[in-house]
PDB file of all heavy atoms in Angstrom:
ATOM      1  N   VAL A   1     -10.523  -6.827 -11.378  1.00  0.00           N
ATOM      2  CA  VAL A   1      -9.339  -7.031 -12.222  1.00  0.00           C
ATOM      3  C   VAL A   1      -8.864  -8.468 -12.028  1.00  0.00           C
ATOM      4  O   VAL A   1      -8.911  -9.006 -10.934  1.00  0.00           O
ATOM      5  CB  VAL A   1      -8.197  -6.053 -11.884  1.00  0.00           C
ATOM      6  CG1 VAL A   1      -8.577  -4.627 -12.207  1.00  0.00           C
ATOM      7  CG2 VAL A   1      -7.776  -6.163 -10.434  1.00  0.00           C
ATOM      8  N   ASP A   2      -8.449  -9.095 -13.137  1.00  0.00           N
ATOM      9  CA  ASP A   2      -7.869 -10.428 -13.061  1.00  0.00           C
ATOM     10  C   ASP A   2      -6.409 -10.298 -12.663  1.00  0.00           C
ATOM     11  O   ASP A   2      -5.692  -9.441 -13.189  1.00  0.00           O
ATOM     12  CB  ASP A   2      -7.986 -11.143 -14.412  1.00  0.00           C
ATOM     13  CG  ASP A   2      -9.428 -11.470 -14.760  1.00  0.00           C
ATOM     14  OD1 ASP A   2     -10.234 -11.666 -13.824  1.00  0.00           O
ATOM     15  OD2 ASP A   2      -9.737 -11.536 -15.965  1.00  0.00           O
ATOM     16  N   LEU A   3      -5.956 -11.142 -11.738  1.00  0.00           N
ATOM     17  CA  LEU A   3      -4.576 -11.095 -11.274  1.00  0.00           C
ATOM     18  C   LEU A   3      -3.781 -12.341 -11.653  1.00  0.00           C
ATOM     19  O   LEU A   3      -2.653 -12.253 -12.079  1.00  0.00           O
ATOM     20  CB  LEU A   3      -4.532 -10.898  -9.750  1.00  0.00           C
ATOM     21  CG  LEU A   3      -5.069  -9.579  -9.225  1.00  0.00           C
ATOM     22  CD1 LEU A   3      -5.018  -9.545  -7.702  1.00  0.00           C
ATOM     23  CD2 LEU A   3      -4.316  -8.410  -9.812  1.00  0.00           C
ATOM     24  N   ASN A   4      -4.338 -13.526 -11.401  1.00  0.00           N
ATOM     25  CA  ASN A   4      -3.667 -14.787 -11.675  1.00  0.00           C
ATOM     26  C   ASN A   4      -2.290 -14.840 -11.002  1.00  0.00           C
ATOM     27  O   ASN A   4      -1.281 -15.189 -11.630  1.00  0.00           O
ATOM     28  CB  ASN A   4      -3.554 -15.030 -13.188  1.00  0.00           C
ATOM     29  CG  ASN A   4      -3.217 -16.471 -13.512  1.00  0.00           C
ATOM     30  OD1 ASN A   4      -3.552 -17.385 -12.763  1.00  0.00           O
ATOM     31  ND2 ASN A   4      -2.535 -16.685 -14.617  1.00  0.00           N
ATOM     32  N   ILE A   5      -2.234 -14.504  -9.720  1.00  0.00           N
ATOM     33  CA  ILE A   5      -0.991 -14.546  -8.954  1.00  0.00           C
ATOM     34  C   ILE A   5      -0.853 -15.936  -8.345  1.00  0.00           C
ATOM     35  O   ILE A   5      -1.653 -16.348  -7.509  1.00  0.00           O
ATOM     36  CB  ILE A   5      -0.983 -13.449  -7.863  1.00  0.00           C
ATOM     37  CG1 ILE A   5      -0.972 -12.077  -8.532  1.00  0.00           C
ATOM     38  CG2 ILE A   5       0.205 -13.620  -6.924  1.00  0.00           C
ATOM     39  CD1 ILE A   5      -1.053 -10.913  -7.576  1.00  0.00           C
ATOM     40  N   ARG A   6       0.185 -16.671  -8.794  1.00  0.00           N
ATOM     41  CA  ARG A   6       0.387 -18.068  -8.407  1.00  0.00           C
ATOM     42  C   ARG A   6       1.633 -18.297  -7.558  1.00  0.00           C
ATOM     43  O   ARG A   6       1.716 -19.287  -6.866  1.00  0.00           O
ATOM     44  CB  ARG A   6       0.506 -18.934  -9.661  1.00  0.00           C
ATOM     45  CG  ARG A   6      -0.691 -18.937 -10.537  1.00  0.00           C
ATOM     46  CD  ARG A   6      -0.449 -19.684 -11.852  1.00  0.00           C
ATOM     47  NE  ARG A   6      -1.684 -19.789 -12.592  1.00  0.00           N
ATOM     48  CZ  ARG A   6      -2.584 -20.748 -12.422  1.00  0.00           C
ATOM     49  NH1 ARG A   6      -2.368 -21.696 -11.553  1.00  0.00           N
ATOM     50  NH2 ARG A   6      -3.700 -20.753 -13.107  1.00  0.00           N
ATOM     51  N   THR A   7       2.618 -17.432  -7.685  1.00  0.00           N
ATOM     52  CA  THR A   7       3.918 -17.663  -7.046  1.00  0.00           C
ATOM     53  C   THR A   7       4.385 -16.409  -6.329  1.00  0.00           C
ATOM     54  O   THR A   7       3.883 -15.303  -6.561  1.00  0.00           O
ATOM     55  CB  THR A   7       4.982 -18.028  -8.103  1.00  0.00           C
ATOM     56  OG1 THR A   7       5.184 -16.891  -8.957  1.00  0.00           O
ATOM     57  CG2 THR A   7       4.567 -19.243  -8.929  1.00  0.00           C
ATOM     58  N   SER A   8       5.411 -16.577  -5.496  1.00  0.00           N
ATOM     59  CA  SER A   8       5.976 -15.409  -4.817  1.00  0.00           C
ATOM     60  C   SER A   8       6.620 -14.469  -5.827  1.00  0.00           C
ATOM     61  O   SER A   8       6.648 -13.248  -5.617  1.00  0.00           O
ATOM     62  CB  SER A   8       6.996 -15.849  -3.755  1.00  0.00           C
ATOM     63  OG  SER A   8       8.015 -16.629  -4.330  1.00  0.00           O
ATOM     64  N   ARG A   9       7.092 -14.991  -6.933  1.00  0.00           N
ATOM     65  CA  ARG A   9       7.620 -14.116  -7.997  1.00  0.00           C
ATOM     66  C   ARG A   9       6.502 -13.255  -8.590  1.00  0.00           C
ATOM     67  O   ARG A   9       6.702 -12.067  -8.861  1.00  0.00           O
ATOM     68  CB  ARG A   9       8.289 -14.941  -9.082  1.00  0.00           C
ATOM     69  CG  ARG A   9       8.886 -14.080 -10.161  1.00  0.00           C
ATOM     70  CD  ARG A   9       9.599 -14.875 -11.198  1.00  0.00           C
ATOM     71  NE  ARG A   9      10.124 -13.978 -12.206  1.00  0.00           N
ATOM     72  CZ  ARG A   9      10.998 -14.308 -13.095  1.00  0.00           C
ATOM     73  NH1 ARG A   9      11.486 -15.528 -13.109  1.00  0.00           N
ATOM     74  NH2 ARG A   9      11.407 -13.442 -13.985  1.00  0.00           N
ATOM     75  N   ASP A  10       5.325 -13.859  -8.800  1.00  0.00           N
ATOM     76  CA  ASP A  10       4.178 -13.078  -9.281  1.00  0.00           C
ATOM     77  C   ASP A  10       3.845 -11.960  -8.295  1.00  0.00           C
ATOM     78  O   ASP A  10       3.525 -10.837  -8.702  1.00  0.00           O
ATOM     79  CB  ASP A  10       2.950 -13.958  -9.477  1.00  0.00           C
ATOM     80  CG  ASP A  10       3.085 -14.975 -10.596  1.00  0.00           C
ATOM     81  OD1 ASP A  10       3.955 -14.804 -11.463  1.00  0.00           O
ATOM     82  OD2 ASP A  10       2.304 -15.954 -10.573  1.00  0.00           O
ATOM     83  N   VAL A  11       3.905 -12.278  -6.999  1.00  0.00           N
ATOM     84  CA  VAL A  11       3.636 -11.272  -5.969  1.00  0.00           C
ATOM     85  C   VAL A  11       4.654 -10.142  -6.085  1.00  0.00           C
ATOM     86  O   VAL A  11       4.304  -8.959  -6.090  1.00  0.00           O
ATOM     87  CB  VAL A  11       3.663 -11.883  -4.552  1.00  0.00           C
ATOM     88  CG1 VAL A  11       3.565 -10.787  -3.488  1.00  0.00           C
ATOM     89  CG2 VAL A  11       2.562 -12.910  -4.367  1.00  0.00           C
ATOM     90  N   MET A  12       5.926 -10.524  -6.211  1.00  0.00           N
ATOM     91  CA  MET A  12       6.999  -9.537  -6.296  1.00  0.00           C
ATOM     92  C   MET A  12       6.791  -8.608  -7.504  1.00  0.00           C
ATOM     93  O   MET A  12       6.923  -7.388  -7.388  1.00  0.00           O
ATOM     94  CB  MET A  12       8.346 -10.253  -6.415  1.00  0.00           C
ATOM     95  CG  MET A  12       9.549  -9.343  -6.445  1.00  0.00           C
ATOM     96  SD  MET A  12      11.098 -10.261  -6.549  1.00  0.00           S
ATOM     97  CE  MET A  12      10.934 -10.992  -8.181  1.00  0.00           C
ATOM     98  N   GLU A  13       6.420  -9.171  -8.649  1.00  0.00           N
ATOM     99  CA  GLU A  13       6.195  -8.355  -9.845  1.00  0.00           C
ATOM    100  C   GLU A  13       4.981  -7.432  -9.670  1.00  0.00           C
ATOM    101  O   GLU A  13       4.999  -6.280 -10.096  1.00  0.00           O
ATOM    102  CB  GLU A  13       6.037  -9.254 -11.066  1.00  0.00           C
ATOM    103  CG  GLU A  13       7.340  -9.921 -11.464  1.00  0.00           C
ATOM    104  CD  GLU A  13       7.188 -10.931 -12.591  1.00  0.00           C
ATOM    105  OE1 GLU A  13       6.101 -11.002 -13.199  1.00  0.00           O
ATOM    106  OE2 GLU A  13       8.160 -11.655 -12.842  1.00  0.00           O
ATOM    107  N   PHE A  14       3.929  -7.946  -9.032  1.00  0.00           N
ATOM    108  CA  PHE A  14       2.749  -7.121  -8.788  1.00  0.00           C
ATOM    109  C   PHE A  14       3.107  -5.945  -7.871  1.00  0.00           C
ATOM    110  O   PHE A  14       2.766  -4.801  -8.163  1.00  0.00           O
ATOM    111  CB  PHE A  14       1.640  -7.975  -8.156  1.00  0.00           C
ATOM    112  CG  PHE A  14       0.425  -7.189  -7.759  1.00  0.00           C
ATOM    113  CD1 PHE A  14      -0.513  -6.803  -8.704  1.00  0.00           C
ATOM    114  CD2 PHE A  14       0.222  -6.821  -6.430  1.00  0.00           C
ATOM    115  CE1 PHE A  14      -1.632  -6.070  -8.343  1.00  0.00           C
ATOM    116  CE2 PHE A  14      -0.889  -6.097  -6.060  1.00  0.00           C
ATOM    117  CZ  PHE A  14      -1.822  -5.710  -7.020  1.00  0.00           C
ATOM    118  N   ILE A  15       3.813  -6.229  -6.784  1.00  0.00           N
ATOM    119  CA  ILE A  15       4.195  -5.184  -5.830  1.00  0.00           C
ATOM    120  C   ILE A  15       5.120  -4.168  -6.501  1.00  0.00           C
ATOM    121  O   ILE A  15       4.989  -2.964  -6.290  1.00  0.00           O
ATOM    122  CB  ILE A  15       4.832  -5.801  -4.567  1.00  0.00           C
ATOM    123  CG1 ILE A  15       3.814  -6.658  -3.810  1.00  0.00           C
ATOM    124  CG2 ILE A  15       5.443  -4.720  -3.676  1.00  0.00           C
ATOM    125  CD1 ILE A  15       2.582  -5.906  -3.316  1.00  0.00           C
ATOM    126  N   ARG A  16       6.032  -4.655  -7.332  1.00  0.00           N
ATOM    127  CA  ARG A  16       6.923  -3.750  -8.057  1.00  0.00           C
ATOM    128  C   ARG A  16       6.103  -2.795  -8.938  1.00  0.00           C
ATOM    129  O   ARG A  16       6.384  -1.597  -8.995  1.00  0.00           O
ATOM    130  CB  ARG A  16       7.907  -4.526  -8.923  1.00  0.00           C
ATOM    131  CG  ARG A  16       8.937  -3.625  -9.594  1.00  0.00           C
ATOM    132  CD  ARG A  16       9.946  -4.363 -10.450  1.00  0.00           C
ATOM    133  NE  ARG A  16      10.546  -5.476  -9.755  1.00  0.00           N
ATOM    134  CZ  ARG A  16      10.712  -6.691 -10.299  1.00  0.00           C
ATOM    135  NH1 ARG A  16      10.328  -6.927 -11.537  1.00  0.00           N
ATOM    136  NH2 ARG A  16      11.277  -7.657  -9.612  1.00  0.00           N
ATOM    137  N   GLY A  17       5.082  -3.319  -9.589  1.00  0.00           N
ATOM    138  CA  GLY A  17       4.221  -2.471 -10.417  1.00  0.00           C
ATOM    139  C   GLY A  17       3.485  -1.432  -9.595  1.00  0.00           C
ATOM    140  O   GLY A  17       3.370  -0.263  -9.999  1.00  0.00           O
ATOM    141  N   ILE A  18       2.996  -1.817  -8.445  1.00  0.00           N
ATOM    142  CA  ILE A  18       2.300  -0.867  -7.565  1.00  0.00           C
ATOM    143  C   ILE A  18       3.266   0.193  -7.042  1.00  0.00           C
ATOM    144  O   ILE A  18       2.964   1.385  -7.037  1.00  0.00           O
ATOM    145  CB  ILE A  18       1.612  -1.610  -6.394  1.00  0.00           C
ATOM    146  CG1 ILE A  18       0.478  -2.507  -6.897  1.00  0.00           C
ATOM    147  CG2 ILE A  18       1.131  -0.636  -5.321  1.00  0.00           C
ATOM    148  CD1 ILE A  18      -0.676  -1.772  -7.543  1.00  0.00           C
ATOM    149  N   LYS A  19       4.457  -0.247  -6.618  1.00  0.00           N
ATOM    150  CA  LYS A  19       5.433   0.693  -6.051  1.00  0.00           C
ATOM    151  C   LYS A  19       6.033   1.624  -7.092  1.00  0.00           C
ATOM    152  O   LYS A  19       6.631   2.628  -6.736  1.00  0.00           O
ATOM    153  CB  LYS A  19       6.539  -0.069  -5.316  1.00  0.00           C
ATOM    154  CG  LYS A  19       6.076  -0.664  -4.006  1.00  0.00           C
ATOM    155  CD  LYS A  19       7.204  -1.324  -3.265  1.00  0.00           C
ATOM    156  CE  LYS A  19       6.728  -1.843  -1.906  1.00  0.00           C
ATOM    157  NZ  LYS A  19       7.784  -2.531  -1.181  1.00  0.00           N
ATOM    158  N   SER A  20       5.847   1.302  -8.355  1.00  0.00           N
ATOM    159  CA  SER A  20       6.379   2.176  -9.413  1.00  0.00           C
ATOM    160  C   SER A  20       5.690   3.536  -9.409  1.00  0.00           C
ATOM    161  O   SER A  20       6.185   4.481 -10.004  1.00  0.00           O
ATOM    162  CB  SER A  20       6.221   1.514 -10.787  1.00  0.00           C
ATOM    163  OG  SER A  20       4.856   1.548 -11.196  1.00  0.00           O
ATOM    164  N   GLY A  21       4.537   3.600  -8.754  1.00  0.00           N
ATOM    165  CA  GLY A  21       3.815   4.863  -8.666  1.00  0.00           C
ATOM    166  C   GLY A  21       2.852   5.112  -9.803  1.00  0.00           C
ATOM    167  O   GLY A  21       2.163   6.118  -9.826  1.00  0.00           O
ATOM    168  N   LYS A  22       2.784   4.180 -10.751  1.00  0.00           N
ATOM    169  CA  LYS A  22       1.882   4.361 -11.886  1.00  0.00           C
ATOM    170  C   LYS A  22       0.426   4.145 -11.507  1.00  0.00           C
ATOM    171  O   LYS A  22      -0.472   4.633 -12.172  1.00  0.00           O
ATOM    172  CB  LYS A  22       2.266   3.406 -13.016  1.00  0.00           C
ATOM    173  CG  LYS A  22       3.597   3.727 -13.636  1.00  0.00           C
ATOM    174  CD  LYS A  22       3.945   2.761 -14.732  1.00  0.00           C
ATOM    175  CE  LYS A  22       5.326   3.074 -15.292  1.00  0.00           C
ATOM    176  NZ  LYS A  22       5.756   2.098 -16.268  1.00  0.00           N
ATOM    177  N   SER A  23       0.209   3.401 -10.425  1.00  0.00           N
ATOM    178  CA  SER A  23      -1.153   3.118  -9.987  1.00  0.00           C
ATOM    179  C   SER A  23      -1.136   2.753  -8.508  1.00  0.00           C
ATOM    180  O   SER A  23      -0.080   2.599  -7.907  1.00  0.00           O
ATOM    181  CB  SER A  23      -1.732   1.968 -10.817  1.00  0.00           C
ATOM    182  OG  SER A  23      -3.116   1.850 -10.568  1.00  0.00           O
ATOM    183  N   THR A  24      -2.319   2.591  -7.944  1.00  0.00           N
ATOM    184  CA  THR A  24      -2.458   2.170  -6.561  1.00  0.00           C
ATOM    185  C   THR A  24      -3.353   0.940  -6.524  1.00  0.00           C
ATOM    186  O   THR A  24      -4.096   0.677  -7.468  1.00  0.00           O
ATOM    187  CB  THR A  24      -3.076   3.278  -5.685  1.00  0.00           C
ATOM    188  OG1 THR A  24      -4.393   3.546  -6.158  1.00  0.00           O
ATOM    189  CG2 THR A  24      -2.243   4.546  -5.707  1.00  0.00           C
ATOM    190  N   PRO A  25      -3.322   0.191  -5.436  1.00  0.00           N
ATOM    191  CA  PRO A  25      -4.193  -0.987  -5.345  1.00  0.00           C
ATOM    192  C   PRO A  25      -5.672  -0.618  -5.465  1.00  0.00           C
ATOM    193  O   PRO A  25      -6.103   0.452  -5.008  1.00  0.00           O
ATOM    194  CB  PRO A  25      -3.882  -1.548  -3.953  1.00  0.00           C
ATOM    195  CG  PRO A  25      -2.514  -1.048  -3.637  1.00  0.00           C
ATOM    196  CD  PRO A  25      -2.435   0.313  -4.279  1.00  0.00           C
ATOM    197  N   LEU A  26      -6.442  -1.499  -6.075  1.00  0.00           N
ATOM    198  CA  LEU A  26      -7.880  -1.287  -6.275  1.00  0.00           C
ATOM    199  C   LEU A  26      -8.599  -1.031  -4.956  1.00  0.00           C
ATOM    200  O   LEU A  26      -9.529  -0.238  -4.889  1.00  0.00           O
ATOM    201  CB  LEU A  26      -8.458  -2.520  -6.992  1.00  0.00           C
ATOM    202  CG  LEU A  26      -9.910  -2.465  -7.414  1.00  0.00           C
ATOM    203  CD1 LEU A  26     -10.165  -1.316  -8.381  1.00  0.00           C
ATOM    204  CD2 LEU A  26     -10.298  -3.788  -8.086  1.00  0.00           C
ATOM    205  N   LYS A  27      -8.145  -1.658  -3.887  1.00  0.00           N
ATOM    206  CA  LYS A  27      -8.779  -1.528  -2.576  1.00  0.00           C
ATOM    207  C   LYS A  27      -8.800  -0.092  -2.064  1.00  0.00           C
ATOM    208  O   LYS A  27      -9.602   0.251  -1.201  1.00  0.00           O
ATOM    209  CB  LYS A  27      -8.077  -2.420  -1.554  1.00  0.00           C
ATOM    210  CG  LYS A  27      -6.672  -1.963  -1.261  1.00  0.00           C
ATOM    211  CD  LYS A  27      -5.988  -2.883  -0.265  1.00  0.00           C
ATOM    212  CE  LYS A  27      -4.670  -2.294   0.154  1.00  0.00           C
ATOM    213  NZ  LYS A  27      -4.758  -0.978   0.742  1.00  0.00           N
ATOM    214  N   ASN A  28      -7.941   0.756  -2.606  1.00  0.00           N
ATOM    215  CA  ASN A  28      -7.867   2.134  -2.117  1.00  0.00           C
ATOM    216  C   ASN A  28      -9.114   2.946  -2.433  1.00  0.00           C
ATOM    217  O   ASN A  28      -9.348   3.974  -1.814  1.00  0.00           O
ATOM    218  CB  ASN A  28      -6.620   2.822  -2.648  1.00  0.00           C
ATOM    219  CG  ASN A  28      -5.348   2.272  -2.013  1.00  0.00           C
ATOM    220  OD1 ASN A  28      -5.408   1.464  -1.095  1.00  0.00           O
ATOM    221  ND2 ASN A  28      -4.214   2.697  -2.511  1.00  0.00           N
ATOM    222  N   ILE A  29      -9.920   2.495  -3.391  1.00  0.00           N
ATOM    223  CA  ILE A  29     -11.141   3.257  -3.701  1.00  0.00           C
ATOM    224  C   ILE A  29     -12.290   2.888  -2.761  1.00  0.00           C
ATOM    225  O   ILE A  29     -13.339   3.524  -2.809  1.00  0.00           O
ATOM    226  CB  ILE A  29     -11.582   3.108  -5.181  1.00  0.00           C
ATOM    227  CG1 ILE A  29     -11.992   1.689  -5.525  1.00  0.00           C
ATOM    228  CG2 ILE A  29     -10.493   3.626  -6.108  1.00  0.00           C
ATOM    229  CD1 ILE A  29     -12.592   1.543  -6.920  1.00  0.00           C
ATOM    230  N   THR A  30     -12.075   1.876  -1.912  1.00  0.00           N
ATOM    231  CA  THR A  30     -13.116   1.471  -0.964  1.00  0.00           C
ATOM    232  C   THR A  30     -12.550   1.366   0.452  1.00  0.00           C
ATOM    233  O   THR A  30     -12.908   0.456   1.203  1.00  0.00           O
ATOM    234  CB  THR A  30     -13.753   0.137  -1.381  1.00  0.00           C
ATOM    235  OG1 THR A  30     -12.723  -0.844  -1.525  1.00  0.00           O
ATOM    236  CG2 THR A  30     -14.543   0.269  -2.672  1.00  0.00           C
ATOM    237  N   SER A  31     -11.669   2.267   0.813  1.00  0.00           N
ATOM    238  CA  SER A  31     -11.107   2.329   2.168  1.00  0.00           C
ATOM    239  C   SER A  31     -10.503   1.007   2.613  1.00  0.00           C
ATOM    240  O   SER A  31     -10.729   0.537   3.733  1.00  0.00           O
ATOM    241  CB  SER A  31     -12.168   2.793   3.178  1.00  0.00           C
ATOM    242  OG  SER A  31     -12.686   4.042   2.793  1.00  0.00           O
ATOM    243  N   ASP A  32      -9.743   0.370   1.726  1.00  0.00           N
ATOM    244  CA  ASP A  32      -8.987  -0.856   1.979  1.00  0.00           C
ATOM    245  C   ASP A  32      -9.808  -2.144   1.950  1.00  0.00           C
ATOM    246  O   ASP A  32      -9.266  -3.237   2.056  1.00  0.00           O
ATOM    247  CB  ASP A  32      -8.190  -0.795   3.287  1.00  0.00           C
ATOM    248  CG  ASP A  32      -7.060   0.225   3.231  1.00  0.00           C
ATOM    249  OD1 ASP A  32      -6.552   0.477   2.113  1.00  0.00           O
ATOM    250  OD2 ASP A  32      -6.686   0.751   4.288  1.00  0.00           O
ATOM    251  N   TYR A  33     -11.123  -2.064   1.809  1.00  0.00           N
ATOM    252  CA  TYR A  33     -11.947  -3.268   1.715  1.00  0.00           C
ATOM    253  C   TYR A  33     -11.923  -3.793   0.276  1.00  0.00           C
ATOM    254  O   TYR A  33     -12.093  -3.021  -0.666  1.00  0.00           O
ATOM    255  CB  TYR A  33     -13.392  -2.989   2.125  1.00  0.00           C
ATOM    256  CG  TYR A  33     -13.536  -2.735   3.601  1.00  0.00           C
ATOM    257  CD1 TYR A  33     -13.492  -1.438   4.102  1.00  0.00           C
ATOM    258  CD2 TYR A  33     -13.694  -3.786   4.493  1.00  0.00           C
ATOM    259  CE1 TYR A  33     -13.596  -1.191   5.455  1.00  0.00           C
ATOM    260  CE2 TYR A  33     -13.798  -3.554   5.858  1.00  0.00           C
ATOM    261  CZ  TYR A  33     -13.760  -2.257   6.327  1.00  0.00           C
ATOM    262  OH  TYR A  33     -13.861  -2.031   7.670  1.00  0.00           O
ATOM    263  N   HIS A  34     -11.704  -5.083   0.122  1.00  0.00           N
ATOM    264  CA  HIS A  34     -11.670  -5.687  -1.204  1.00  0.00           C
ATOM    265  C   HIS A  34     -11.901  -7.193  -1.080  1.00  0.00           C
ATOM    266  O   HIS A  34     -11.917  -7.734   0.027  1.00  0.00           O
ATOM    267  CB  HIS A  34     -10.340  -5.403  -1.906  1.00  0.00           C
ATOM    268  CG  HIS A  34      -9.139  -5.956  -1.198  1.00  0.00           C
ATOM    269  ND1 HIS A  34      -8.655  -5.412  -0.029  1.00  0.00           N
ATOM    270  CD2 HIS A  34      -8.341  -6.993  -1.486  1.00  0.00           C
ATOM    271  CE1 HIS A  34      -7.601  -6.091   0.365  1.00  0.00           C
ATOM    272  NE2 HIS A  34      -7.385  -7.064  -0.487  1.00  0.00           N
ATOM    273  N   TYR A  35     -12.072  -7.833  -2.211  1.00  0.00           N
ATOM    274  CA  TYR A  35     -12.309  -9.267  -2.262  1.00  0.00           C
ATOM    275  C   TYR A  35     -11.287  -9.920  -3.189  1.00  0.00           C
ATOM    276  O   TYR A  35     -10.864  -9.327  -4.180  1.00  0.00           O
ATOM    277  CB  TYR A  35     -13.704  -9.571  -2.825  1.00  0.00           C
ATOM    278  CG  TYR A  35     -14.837  -9.025  -2.021  1.00  0.00           C
ATOM    279  CD1 TYR A  35     -15.228  -7.691  -2.154  1.00  0.00           C
ATOM    280  CD2 TYR A  35     -15.552  -9.829  -1.138  1.00  0.00           C
ATOM    281  CE1 TYR A  35     -16.283  -7.175  -1.435  1.00  0.00           C
ATOM    282  CE2 TYR A  35     -16.622  -9.324  -0.417  1.00  0.00           C
ATOM    283  CZ  TYR A  35     -16.975  -7.993  -0.560  1.00  0.00           C
ATOM    284  OH  TYR A  35     -18.037  -7.491   0.156  1.00  0.00           O
ATOM    285  N   HIS A  36     -10.920 -11.160  -2.860  1.00  0.00           N
ATOM    286  CA  HIS A  36     -10.110 -11.977  -3.753  1.00  0.00           C
ATOM    287  C   HIS A  36     -10.845 -13.279  -3.985  1.00  0.00           C
ATOM    288  O   HIS A  36     -11.345 -13.901  -3.036  1.00  0.00           O
ATOM    289  CB  HIS A  36      -8.756 -12.336  -3.132  1.00  0.00           C
ATOM    290  CG  HIS A  36      -7.799 -11.210  -3.045  1.00  0.00           C
ATOM    291  ND1 HIS A  36      -7.424 -10.436  -4.122  1.00  0.00           N
ATOM    292  CD2 HIS A  36      -7.096 -10.714  -1.993  1.00  0.00           C
ATOM    293  CE1 HIS A  36      -6.550  -9.532  -3.735  1.00  0.00           C
ATOM    294  NE2 HIS A  36      -6.342  -9.679  -2.443  1.00  0.00           N
ATOM    295  N   THR A  37     -10.906 -13.703  -5.246  1.00  0.00           N
ATOM    296  CA  THR A  37     -11.290 -15.076  -5.535  1.00  0.00           C
ATOM    297  C   THR A  37      -9.994 -15.865  -5.533  1.00  0.00           C
ATOM    298  O   THR A  37      -9.065 -15.551  -6.273  1.00  0.00           O
ATOM    299  CB  THR A  37     -11.988 -15.193  -6.908  1.00  0.00           C
ATOM    300  OG1 THR A  37     -13.121 -14.321  -6.934  1.00  0.00           O
ATOM    301  CG2 THR A  37     -12.422 -16.639  -7.165  1.00  0.00           C
ATOM    302  N   VAL A  38      -9.942 -16.877  -4.667  1.00  0.00           N
ATOM    303  CA  VAL A  38      -8.736 -17.696  -4.527  1.00  0.00           C
ATOM    304  C   VAL A  38      -9.090 -19.118  -4.914  1.00  0.00           C
ATOM    305  O   VAL A  38     -10.089 -19.678  -4.450  1.00  0.00           O
ATOM    306  CB  VAL A  38      -8.207 -17.644  -3.070  1.00  0.00           C
ATOM    307  CG1 VAL A  38      -7.013 -18.572  -2.894  1.00  0.00           C
ATOM    308  CG2 VAL A  38      -7.849 -16.223  -2.675  1.00  0.00           C
ATOM    309  N   SER A  39      -8.274 -19.703  -5.775  1.00  0.00           N
ATOM    310  CA  SER A  39      -8.478 -21.103  -6.143  1.00  0.00           C
ATOM    311  C   SER A  39      -7.332 -21.928  -5.568  1.00  0.00           C
ATOM    312  O   SER A  39      -6.240 -21.413  -5.291  1.00  0.00           O
ATOM    313  CB  SER A  39      -8.548 -21.270  -7.665  1.00  0.00           C
ATOM    314  OG  SER A  39      -7.339 -20.903  -8.265  1.00  0.00           O
ATOM    315  N   ALA A  40      -7.598 -23.203  -5.385  1.00  0.00           N
ATOM    316  CA  ALA A  40      -6.598 -24.125  -4.844  1.00  0.00           C
ATOM    317  C   ALA A  40      -6.972 -25.538  -5.261  1.00  0.00           C
ATOM    318  O   ALA A  40      -8.039 -25.761  -5.846  1.00  0.00           O
ATOM    319  CB  ALA A  40      -6.540 -24.019  -3.318  1.00  0.00           C
ATOM    320  N   ASP A  41      -6.112 -26.487  -4.914  1.00  0.00           N
ATOM    321  CA  ASP A  41      -6.360 -27.869  -5.305  1.00  0.00           C
ATOM    322  C   ASP A  41      -7.480 -28.525  -4.513  1.00  0.00           C
ATOM    323  O   ASP A  41      -8.043 -29.517  -4.950  1.00  0.00           O
ATOM    324  CB  ASP A  41      -5.071 -28.694  -5.172  1.00  0.00           C
ATOM    325  CG  ASP A  41      -4.531 -28.736  -3.753  1.00  0.00           C
ATOM    326  OD1 ASP A  41      -4.984 -27.936  -2.894  1.00  0.00           O
ATOM    327  OD2 ASP A  41      -3.653 -29.574  -3.471  1.00  0.00           O
ATOM    328  N   SER A  42      -7.832 -27.961  -3.337  1.00  0.00           N
ATOM    329  CA  SER A  42      -8.850 -28.604  -2.510  1.00  0.00           C
ATOM    330  C   SER A  42      -9.447 -27.605  -1.521  1.00  0.00           C
ATOM    331  O   SER A  42      -8.869 -26.552  -1.254  1.00  0.00           O
ATOM    332  CB  SER A  42      -8.238 -29.777  -1.726  1.00  0.00           C
ATOM    333  OG  SER A  42      -7.298 -29.280  -0.778  1.00  0.00           O
ATOM    334  N   GLU A  43     -10.573 -27.989  -0.949  1.00  0.00           N
ATOM    335  CA  GLU A  43     -11.188 -27.191   0.111  1.00  0.00           C
ATOM    336  C   GLU A  43     -10.289 -27.137   1.341  1.00  0.00           C
ATOM    337  O   GLU A  43     -10.250 -26.124   2.047  1.00  0.00           O
ATOM    338  CB  GLU A  43     -12.556 -27.770   0.485  1.00  0.00           C
ATOM    339  CG  GLU A  43     -13.631 -27.569  -0.567  1.00  0.00           C
ATOM    340  CD  GLU A  43     -14.035 -26.121  -0.770  1.00  0.00           C
ATOM    341  OE1 GLU A  43     -13.942 -25.312   0.177  1.00  0.00           O
ATOM    342  OE2 GLU A  43     -14.459 -25.788  -1.893  1.00  0.00           O
ATOM    343  N   GLU A  44      -9.555 -28.218   1.598  1.00  0.00           N
ATOM    344  CA  GLU A  44      -8.640 -28.254   2.743  1.00  0.00           C
ATOM    345  C   GLU A  44      -7.561 -27.176   2.615  1.00  0.00           C
ATOM    346  O   GLU A  44      -7.218 -26.506   3.588  1.00  0.00           O
ATOM    347  CB  GLU A  44      -8.009 -29.631   2.899  1.00  0.00           C
ATOM    348  CG  GLU A  44      -8.985 -30.720   3.312  1.00  0.00           C
ATOM    349  CD  GLU A  44      -9.831 -31.257   2.147  1.00  0.00           C
ATOM    350  OE1 GLU A  44      -9.496 -31.018   0.960  1.00  0.00           O
ATOM    351  OE2 GLU A  44     -10.849 -31.915   2.436  1.00  0.00           O
ATOM    352  N   THR A  45      -7.041 -27.003   1.401  1.00  0.00           N
ATOM    353  CA  THR A  45      -6.034 -25.965   1.166  1.00  0.00           C
ATOM    354  C   THR A  45      -6.649 -24.593   1.394  1.00  0.00           C
ATOM    355  O   THR A  45      -6.041 -23.718   2.023  1.00  0.00           O
ATOM    356  CB  THR A  45      -5.452 -26.077  -0.250  1.00  0.00           C
ATOM    357  OG1 THR A  45      -4.812 -27.354  -0.391  1.00  0.00           O
ATOM    358  CG2 THR A  45      -4.441 -24.978  -0.534  1.00  0.00           C
ATOM    359  N   LEU A  46      -7.872 -24.395   0.899  1.00  0.00           N
ATOM    360  CA  LEU A  46      -8.546 -23.114   1.126  1.00  0.00           C
ATOM    361  C   LEU A  46      -8.789 -22.871   2.607  1.00  0.00           C
ATOM    362  O   LEU A  46      -8.699 -21.729   3.074  1.00  0.00           O
ATOM    363  CB  LEU A  46      -9.858 -23.061   0.340  1.00  0.00           C
ATOM    364  CG  LEU A  46      -9.702 -22.968  -1.178  1.00  0.00           C
ATOM    365  CD1 LEU A  46     -11.060 -23.145  -1.859  1.00  0.00           C
ATOM    366  CD2 LEU A  46      -9.050 -21.656  -1.597  1.00  0.00           C
TER     367      LEU A  46
END
């Protein structure tokens, strides 16, 4: 799933959606194991 989470506000909205009870995090189908592709301005930031 594409997330495009850039800010703490984006995080807050994502968590609010999960806590609404309409769905659960994708990681729950694989016993909490999951991957994120993370982008940043540089390798140093990563």
